[in-house]
Amino acid sequence: MAYELEERLVIGIASSALFDLAEADAVFREQGEEVYRAYQEQHLDDTLGKGVAFPFIRRLLSLNDLSPEDPLVEVIVLSRNDPDTGLRVMRSIQSHGLPISRAIFMQGRSPYRFMPALNMSLFLSANETDVREAVALGLPAGRVLGAVTADETDDQDLRIAFDFDGVLADDASEQIYQTDGIERFRSHETMNAATPHDPGPLRDFLASINRLQQCEEEQRTTDPGYQIRVHVSLVTARNAPAHERAVRSLKDWGVTVNDAFFLGGIDKSTIMRVLKPHIFFDDQVGHLTGTSRYTPSVHVPFGKINEADRLASTEARP
């Protein structure tokens, strides 16, 4: 692992998550690779529009002003493009003023296997296959969903929201709910309230976000006028009494959230329309169908419920 990446929050991002590639992707699907390559060459100087994850990435990178000499955050492009067709991506990054200088281009293949070597805490992509394969290898990854939302440049906050089961925690309790129902789930969680969950795929990512928050608090001690920018929320279908085990698990892991919404099955999109996070992570596509209309949403295909969805999707193919 490169020394300078050891203490940084490192994010891997596919161009499909960072930019709006709908037009280019249509050329590739409908006319093939050679026409696609020619199209990208012809549009080399046309800056790509902002994608689903763009507001999140821009705000995350802006936190490097807390440590200009040794940046806290590093974003690295992980792309299926070859270096030639990837030129448009890098020029677009420069045009948008994003401080991203590192990239891996692998023609027709996803570079997610390099995540551990680069100390990555998260990989974001719009490619479902790449994300599922990464998660199957135990890597923290998510598929971006939904329409591109406005990137309000006068709003400097970074609001991040997480589901709990199957995202921050493992899915052991979710399996009980799916198999035995809500009452058995509540009983199990009450009996095990003092027993922390095993961590899920994004627990370490939250820990990295917490370190950024600690840097902000240190900045505020020297500059009382500094405005805290990073805010983290837990948005879960749990409610009392199952909420207690979630809270205790976070404490046992040494991670924190600023706000918690224990919704007891209320549609999460109603909260998202008010909370307006710049990114929301959930392990169930059904929950994200509503949220993705208002919020940049990320599906983390972790656990048994997603394994079943993957098998059903495979069996449905002709």
Protein backbone atom coordinates (compact mmCIF):
# COMPACT_ATOMS: atom_id res chain seq x y z
CA MET A 1 0.00 0.00 0.00
CA ALA A 2 1.31 3.43 -0.91
CA TYR A 3 2.45 5.19 2.26
CA GLU A 4 0.55 8.42 1.57
CA LEU A 5 -2.77 6.52 1.37
CA GLU A 6 -2.47 4.76 4.74
CA GLU A 7 -4.07 7.52 6.82
CA ARG A 8 -6.47 8.85 4.20
CA LEU A 9 -10.09 8.09 3.48
CA VAL A 10 -9.77 6.58 -0.01
CA ILE A 11 -12.80 6.20 -2.29
CA GLY A 12 -12.81 4.34 -5.58
CA ILE A 13 -15.33 5.65 -8.08
CA ALA A 14 -16.38 4.49 -11.52
CA SER A 15 -16.99 7.14 -14.15
CA SER A 16 -20.59 5.84 -14.30
CA ALA A 17 -21.14 7.03 -10.71
CA LEU A 18 -19.31 10.34 -11.02
CA PHE A 19 -20.69 11.50 -14.38
CA ASP A 20 -23.82 11.22 -16.49
CA LEU A 21 -22.82 8.71 -19.17
CA ALA A 22 -26.29 7.90 -20.48
CA GLU A 23 -25.58 9.16 -24.00
CA ALA A 24 -22.17 7.48 -24.30
CA ASP A 25 -23.50 4.21 -22.85
CA ALA A 26 -26.32 4.19 -25.41
CA VAL A 27 -23.75 4.50 -28.20
CA PHE A 28 -21.81 1.56 -26.77
CA ARG A 29 -24.88 -0.67 -26.35
CA GLU A 30 -26.47 0.14 -29.69
CA GLN A 31 -23.45 0.51 -31.98
CA GLY A 32 -20.60 -1.38 -30.36
CA GLU A 33 -17.15 -0.66 -28.99
CA GLU A 34 -15.50 0.76 -32.09
CA VAL A 35 -18.21 3.37 -32.66
CA TYR A 36 -18.11 4.14 -28.93
CA ARG A 37 -14.37 4.74 -29.07
CA ALA A 38 -14.79 7.06 -32.05
CA TYR A 39 -17.64 8.87 -30.27
CA GLN A 40 -15.50 9.49 -27.18
CA GLU A 41 -12.65 10.76 -29.35
CA GLN A 42 -14.98 13.16 -31.18
CA HIS A 43 -16.36 14.46 -27.85
CA LEU A 44 -13.06 14.56 -26.01
CA ASP A 45 -13.42 18.24 -25.15
CA ASP A 46 -17.12 18.03 -24.26
CA THR A 47 -17.31 18.04 -20.48
CA LEU A 48 -19.44 15.24 -19.04
CA GLY A 49 -22.41 16.25 -16.91
CA LYS A 50 -22.59 15.54 -13.19
CA GLY A 51 -23.63 12.05 -12.14
CA VAL A 52 -25.48 10.67 -9.11
CA ALA A 53 -22.43 10.64 -6.80
CA PHE A 54 -20.94 13.95 -7.96
CA PRO A 55 -22.31 16.15 -5.12
CA PHE A 56 -21.10 13.63 -2.51
CA ILE A 57 -17.62 13.37 -4.01
CA ARG A 58 -17.21 17.13 -4.45
CA ARG A 59 -18.12 17.81 -0.84
CA LEU A 60 -15.97 14.99 0.45
CA LEU A 61 -12.93 16.33 -1.39
CA SER A 62 -13.62 19.86 -0.15
CA LEU A 63 -12.73 18.65 3.36
CA ASN A 64 -9.09 18.56 2.31
CA ASP A 65 -8.97 22.24 3.19
CA LEU A 66 -8.63 21.01 6.79
CA SER A 67 -5.20 19.63 5.92
CA PRO A 68 -3.89 21.16 2.67
CA GLU A 69 -0.36 19.75 3.01
CA ASP A 70 -1.50 16.18 3.69
CA PRO A 71 -5.00 15.63 2.26
CA LEU A 72 -7.50 13.71 4.37
CA VAL A 73 -9.46 12.36 1.39
CA GLU A 74 -8.32 10.69 -1.82
CA VAL A 75 -10.64 9.75 -4.68
CA ILE A 76 -9.36 7.37 -7.36
CA VAL A 77 -11.13 6.59 -10.63
CA LEU A 78 -11.68 2.86 -11.24
CA SER A 79 -12.78 2.47 -14.84
CA ARG A 80 -13.65 -0.20 -17.38
CA ASN A 81 -12.53 2.18 -20.14
CA ASP A 82 -9.15 1.84 -21.75
CA PRO A 83 -6.73 4.77 -21.27
CA ASP A 84 -7.69 6.35 -24.63
CA THR A 85 -11.45 6.46 -24.01
CA GLY A 86 -10.77 7.38 -20.38
CA LEU A 87 -9.23 10.68 -21.47
CA ARG A 88 -12.65 12.31 -21.63
CA VAL A 89 -13.30 11.32 -18.02
CA MET A 90 -10.05 12.85 -16.82
CA ARG A 91 -10.60 16.04 -18.81
CA SER A 92 -14.09 16.32 -17.37
CA ILE A 93 -12.68 15.92 -13.87
CA GLN A 94 -10.29 18.78 -14.58
CA SER A 95 -13.04 20.92 -16.12
CA HIS A 96 -15.22 20.49 -13.03
CA GLY A 97 -12.30 21.45 -10.81
CA LEU A 98 -12.21 18.19 -8.87
CA PRO A 99 -8.82 17.41 -7.25
CA ILE A 100 -8.66 13.85 -8.59
CA SER A 101 -5.36 12.86 -10.16
CA ARG A 102 -5.17 9.07 -9.80
CA ALA A 103 -6.99 6.58 -12.00
CA ILE A 104 -6.94 2.94 -13.09
CA PHE A 105 -8.22 2.11 -16.58
CA MET A 106 -8.72 -1.54 -17.52
CA GLN A 107 -10.35 -2.14 -20.89
CA GLY A 108 -13.55 -4.15 -20.41
CA ARG A 109 -12.70 -5.17 -16.84
CA SER A 110 -13.42 -3.57 -13.50
CA PRO A 111 -10.40 -2.75 -11.30
CA TYR A 112 -12.20 -3.28 -7.96
CA ARG A 113 -9.72 -6.05 -7.06
CA PHE A 114 -7.15 -3.33 -6.45
CA MET A 115 -9.21 -1.83 -3.61
CA PRO A 116 -7.22 -3.44 -0.75
CA ALA A 117 -3.90 -2.41 -2.32
CA LEU A 118 -5.11 1.19 -2.44
CA ASN A 119 -6.60 1.21 1.09
CA MET A 120 -10.09 1.92 -0.27
CA SER A 121 -12.99 2.20 2.15
CA LEU A 122 -15.66 2.30 -0.56
CA PHE A 123 -16.23 1.66 -4.28
CA LEU A 124 -19.15 3.33 -6.06
CA SER A 125 -20.34 2.35 -9.52
CA ALA A 126 -23.51 2.21 -11.61
CA ASN A 127 -22.51 -1.26 -12.86
CA GLU A 128 -24.50 -3.84 -10.89
CA THR A 129 -22.28 -6.77 -11.84
CA ASP A 130 -19.08 -5.05 -10.74
CA VAL A 131 -20.60 -4.07 -7.40
CA ARG A 132 -22.03 -7.51 -6.68
CA GLU A 133 -18.72 -9.17 -7.50
CA ALA A 134 -16.86 -6.75 -5.24
CA VAL A 135 -19.24 -7.35 -2.32
CA ALA A 136 -18.99 -11.12 -2.86
CA LEU A 137 -15.25 -10.75 -2.29
CA GLY A 138 -15.90 -8.97 1.00
CA LEU A 139 -15.15 -5.51 -0.40
CA PRO A 140 -17.23 -2.43 0.56
CA ALA A 141 -19.09 -1.41 -2.58
CA GLY A 142 -22.39 0.05 -3.69
CA ARG A 143 -24.39 0.69 -6.85
CA VAL A 144 -25.62 4.25 -7.36
CA LEU A 145 -29.29 4.64 -8.22
CA GLY A 146 -31.67 7.41 -9.13
CA ALA A 147 -31.77 10.64 -11.00
CA VAL A 148 -29.05 13.26 -10.80
CA THR A 149 -29.93 15.86 -8.16
CA ALA A 150 -28.95 19.52 -8.14
CA ASP A 151 -25.51 20.19 -6.71
CA GLU A 152 -26.16 23.35 -4.73
CA THR A 153 -22.78 25.05 -4.54
CA ASP A 154 -23.88 27.47 -1.81
CA ASP A 155 -24.58 24.50 0.48
CA GLN A 156 -21.23 23.33 1.83
CA ASP A 157 -22.60 20.67 4.18
CA LEU A 158 -22.03 16.97 3.54
CA ARG A 159 -24.97 14.89 4.74
CA ILE A 160 -24.53 11.11 4.74
CA ALA A 161 -27.25 8.63 5.71
CA PHE A 162 -26.94 4.90 6.43
CA ASP A 163 -29.38 2.06 6.92
CA PHE A 164 -28.30 -0.27 9.71
CA ASP A 165 -28.90 -3.99 9.03
CA GLY A 166 -26.93 -5.25 6.04
CA VAL A 167 -25.03 -1.96 5.76
CA LEU A 168 -23.36 -0.94 9.02
CA ALA A 169 -24.19 -4.27 10.70
CA ASP A 170 -24.31 -7.77 9.31
CA ASP A 171 -27.65 -9.23 8.24
CA ALA A 172 -28.06 -11.93 10.94
CA SER A 173 -31.06 -10.19 12.52
CA GLU A 174 -32.52 -9.30 9.14
CA GLN A 175 -32.50 -13.02 8.33
CA ILE A 176 -34.57 -13.69 11.46
CA TYR A 177 -37.07 -11.03 10.39
CA GLN A 178 -37.32 -12.43 6.86
CA THR A 179 -37.75 -16.01 8.12
CA ASP A 180 -39.78 -15.68 11.32
CA GLY A 181 -41.46 -12.29 11.15
CA ILE A 182 -41.44 -9.03 13.06
CA GLU A 183 -42.41 -10.32 16.52
CA ARG A 184 -39.66 -12.95 16.54
CA PHE A 185 -37.21 -10.29 15.34
CA ARG A 186 -38.18 -7.91 18.15
CA SER A 187 -37.94 -10.65 20.75
CA HIS A 188 -34.52 -11.69 19.51
CA GLU A 189 -33.19 -8.13 19.50
CA THR A 190 -34.54 -7.46 23.00
CA MET A 191 -32.89 -10.59 24.40
CA ASN A 192 -29.61 -9.69 22.69
CA ALA A 193 -29.67 -5.94 23.29
CA ALA A 194 -26.32 -6.03 25.11
CA THR A 195 -24.66 -8.17 22.43
CA PRO A 196 -23.16 -6.07 19.63
CA HIS A 197 -23.78 -7.06 16.05
CA ASP A 198 -20.95 -8.19 13.85
CA PRO A 199 -19.93 -5.32 11.58
CA GLY A 200 -21.38 -5.02 8.10
CA PRO A 201 -19.68 -3.90 4.87
CA LEU A 202 -19.70 -0.14 5.58
CA ARG A 203 -18.82 -0.04 9.29
CA ASP A 204 -15.20 0.84 8.50
CA PHE A 205 -16.31 3.52 6.04
CA LEU A 206 -18.36 5.14 8.82
CA ALA A 207 -15.29 4.97 11.07
CA SER A 208 -13.33 6.85 8.41
CA ILE A 209 -16.07 9.49 8.19
CA ASN A 210 -15.93 9.83 11.98
CA ARG A 211 -12.21 10.59 11.71
CA LEU A 212 -13.03 13.45 9.35
CA GLN A 213 -15.56 14.69 11.89
CA GLN A 214 -12.88 14.59 14.59
CA CYS A 215 -10.68 16.76 12.38
CA GLU A 216 -13.53 19.22 12.08
CA GLU A 217 -13.93 19.34 15.86
CA GLU A 218 -10.20 19.98 16.23
CA GLN A 219 -10.50 22.80 13.69
CA ARG A 220 -13.33 24.34 15.68
CA THR A 221 -11.21 24.40 18.85
CA THR A 222 -8.70 26.68 17.11
CA ASP A 223 -11.27 28.55 15.02
CA PRO A 224 -14.54 29.08 16.95
CA GLY A 225 -16.15 30.48 13.81
CA TYR A 226 -15.65 27.23 11.87
CA GLN A 227 -18.95 25.69 10.71
CA ILE A 228 -19.18 21.91 10.98
CA ARG A 229 -19.92 20.46 7.55
CA VAL A 230 -20.19 16.67 7.95
CA HIS A 231 -23.42 15.28 9.38
CA VAL A 232 -24.17 11.55 9.63
CA SER A 233 -27.62 10.03 10.08
CA LEU A 234 -28.88 6.53 10.77
CA VAL A 235 -32.17 5.85 8.97
CA THR A 236 -33.52 2.41 9.77
CA ALA A 237 -36.78 0.47 9.76
CA ARG A 238 -36.03 -0.60 13.34
CA ASN A 239 -38.01 0.93 16.18
CA ALA A 240 -38.30 0.29 19.92
CA PRO A 241 -37.37 -2.10 21.43
CA ALA A 242 -35.03 -3.19 18.59
CA HIS A 243 -33.42 0.25 18.47
CA GLU A 244 -31.36 -0.38 21.61
CA ARG A 245 -29.15 -3.09 20.10
CA ALA A 246 -28.35 -0.85 17.13
CA VAL A 247 -27.31 2.02 19.40
CA ARG A 248 -25.22 -0.25 21.62
CA SER A 249 -23.54 -1.84 18.59
CA LEU A 250 -22.43 1.54 17.27
CA LYS A 251 -20.98 2.40 20.67
CA ASP A 252 -19.18 -0.93 20.95
CA TRP A 253 -17.64 -0.46 17.48
CA GLY A 254 -16.42 3.00 18.47
CA VAL A 255 -18.41 4.80 15.78
CA THR A 256 -21.02 7.52 16.06
CA VAL A 257 -23.88 9.13 14.17
CA ASN A 258 -25.29 12.62 14.70
CA ASP A 259 -28.94 11.70 14.23
CA ALA A 260 -30.98 8.51 14.26
CA PHE A 261 -34.37 7.82 12.71
CA PHE A 262 -36.04 4.63 13.99
CA LEU A 263 -38.96 4.49 11.58
CA GLY A 264 -40.69 1.19 12.30
CA GLY A 265 -41.52 0.57 8.66
CA ILE A 266 -42.43 4.15 7.63
CA ASP A 267 -41.39 4.83 4.03
CA LYS A 268 -37.85 6.19 4.22
CA SER A 269 -38.43 8.51 1.27
CA THR A 270 -40.63 10.72 3.47
CA ILE A 271 -37.60 11.38 5.68
CA MET A 272 -35.20 11.82 2.77
CA ARG A 273 -37.28 14.62 1.28
CA VAL A 274 -36.68 16.63 4.46
CA LEU A 275 -33.22 15.39 5.48
CA LYS A 276 -31.82 15.76 1.94
CA PRO A 277 -28.66 13.69 2.36
CA HIS A 278 -26.10 13.84 -0.40
CA ILE A 279 -25.91 10.05 -0.30
CA PHE A 280 -27.92 7.26 1.35
CA PHE A 281 -26.82 3.63 1.70
CA ASP A 282 -29.31 0.75 2.03
CA ASP A 283 -29.11 -2.98 1.38
CA GLN A 284 -32.62 -3.37 -0.08
CA VAL A 285 -33.60 -2.10 -3.51
CA GLY A 286 -37.22 -1.95 -2.38
CA HIS A 287 -36.34 0.78 0.12
CA LEU A 288 -34.36 2.69 -2.48
CA THR A 289 -37.10 2.74 -5.09
CA GLY A 290 -38.70 5.62 -3.22
CA THR A 291 -35.61 7.38 -1.87
CA SER A 292 -33.82 7.49 -5.21
CA ARG A 293 -36.48 9.86 -6.58
CA TYR A 294 -35.24 12.55 -4.19
CA THR A 295 -31.85 11.43 -2.90
CA PRO A 296 -28.63 10.06 -4.41
CA SER A 297 -29.05 6.46 -3.26
CA VAL A 298 -26.69 3.50 -3.11
CA HIS A 299 -27.62 -0.17 -3.07
CA VAL A 300 -25.23 -2.32 -1.04
CA PRO A 301 -25.98 -5.88 -2.26
CA PHE A 302 -24.92 -7.62 0.94
CA GLY A 303 -26.42 -10.60 2.78
CA LYS A 304 -28.92 -13.37 2.19
CA ILE A 305 -31.71 -11.20 0.85
CA ASN A 306 -29.47 -9.94 -1.94
CA GLU A 307 -28.13 -13.41 -2.60
CA ALA A 308 -31.71 -14.54 -3.19
CA ASP A 309 -32.34 -11.58 -5.51
CA ARG A 310 -29.18 -12.41 -7.46
CA LEU A 311 -30.22 -16.04 -7.91
CA ALA A 312 -33.75 -15.05 -8.95
CA SER A 313 -32.33 -12.62 -11.50
CA THR A 314 -29.99 -15.29 -12.89
CA GLU A 315 -32.76 -17.87 -13.18
CA ALA A 316 -35.00 -15.38 -14.97
CA ARG A 317 -32.52 -14.88 -17.77
CA PRO A 318 -33.27 -16.72 -21.03
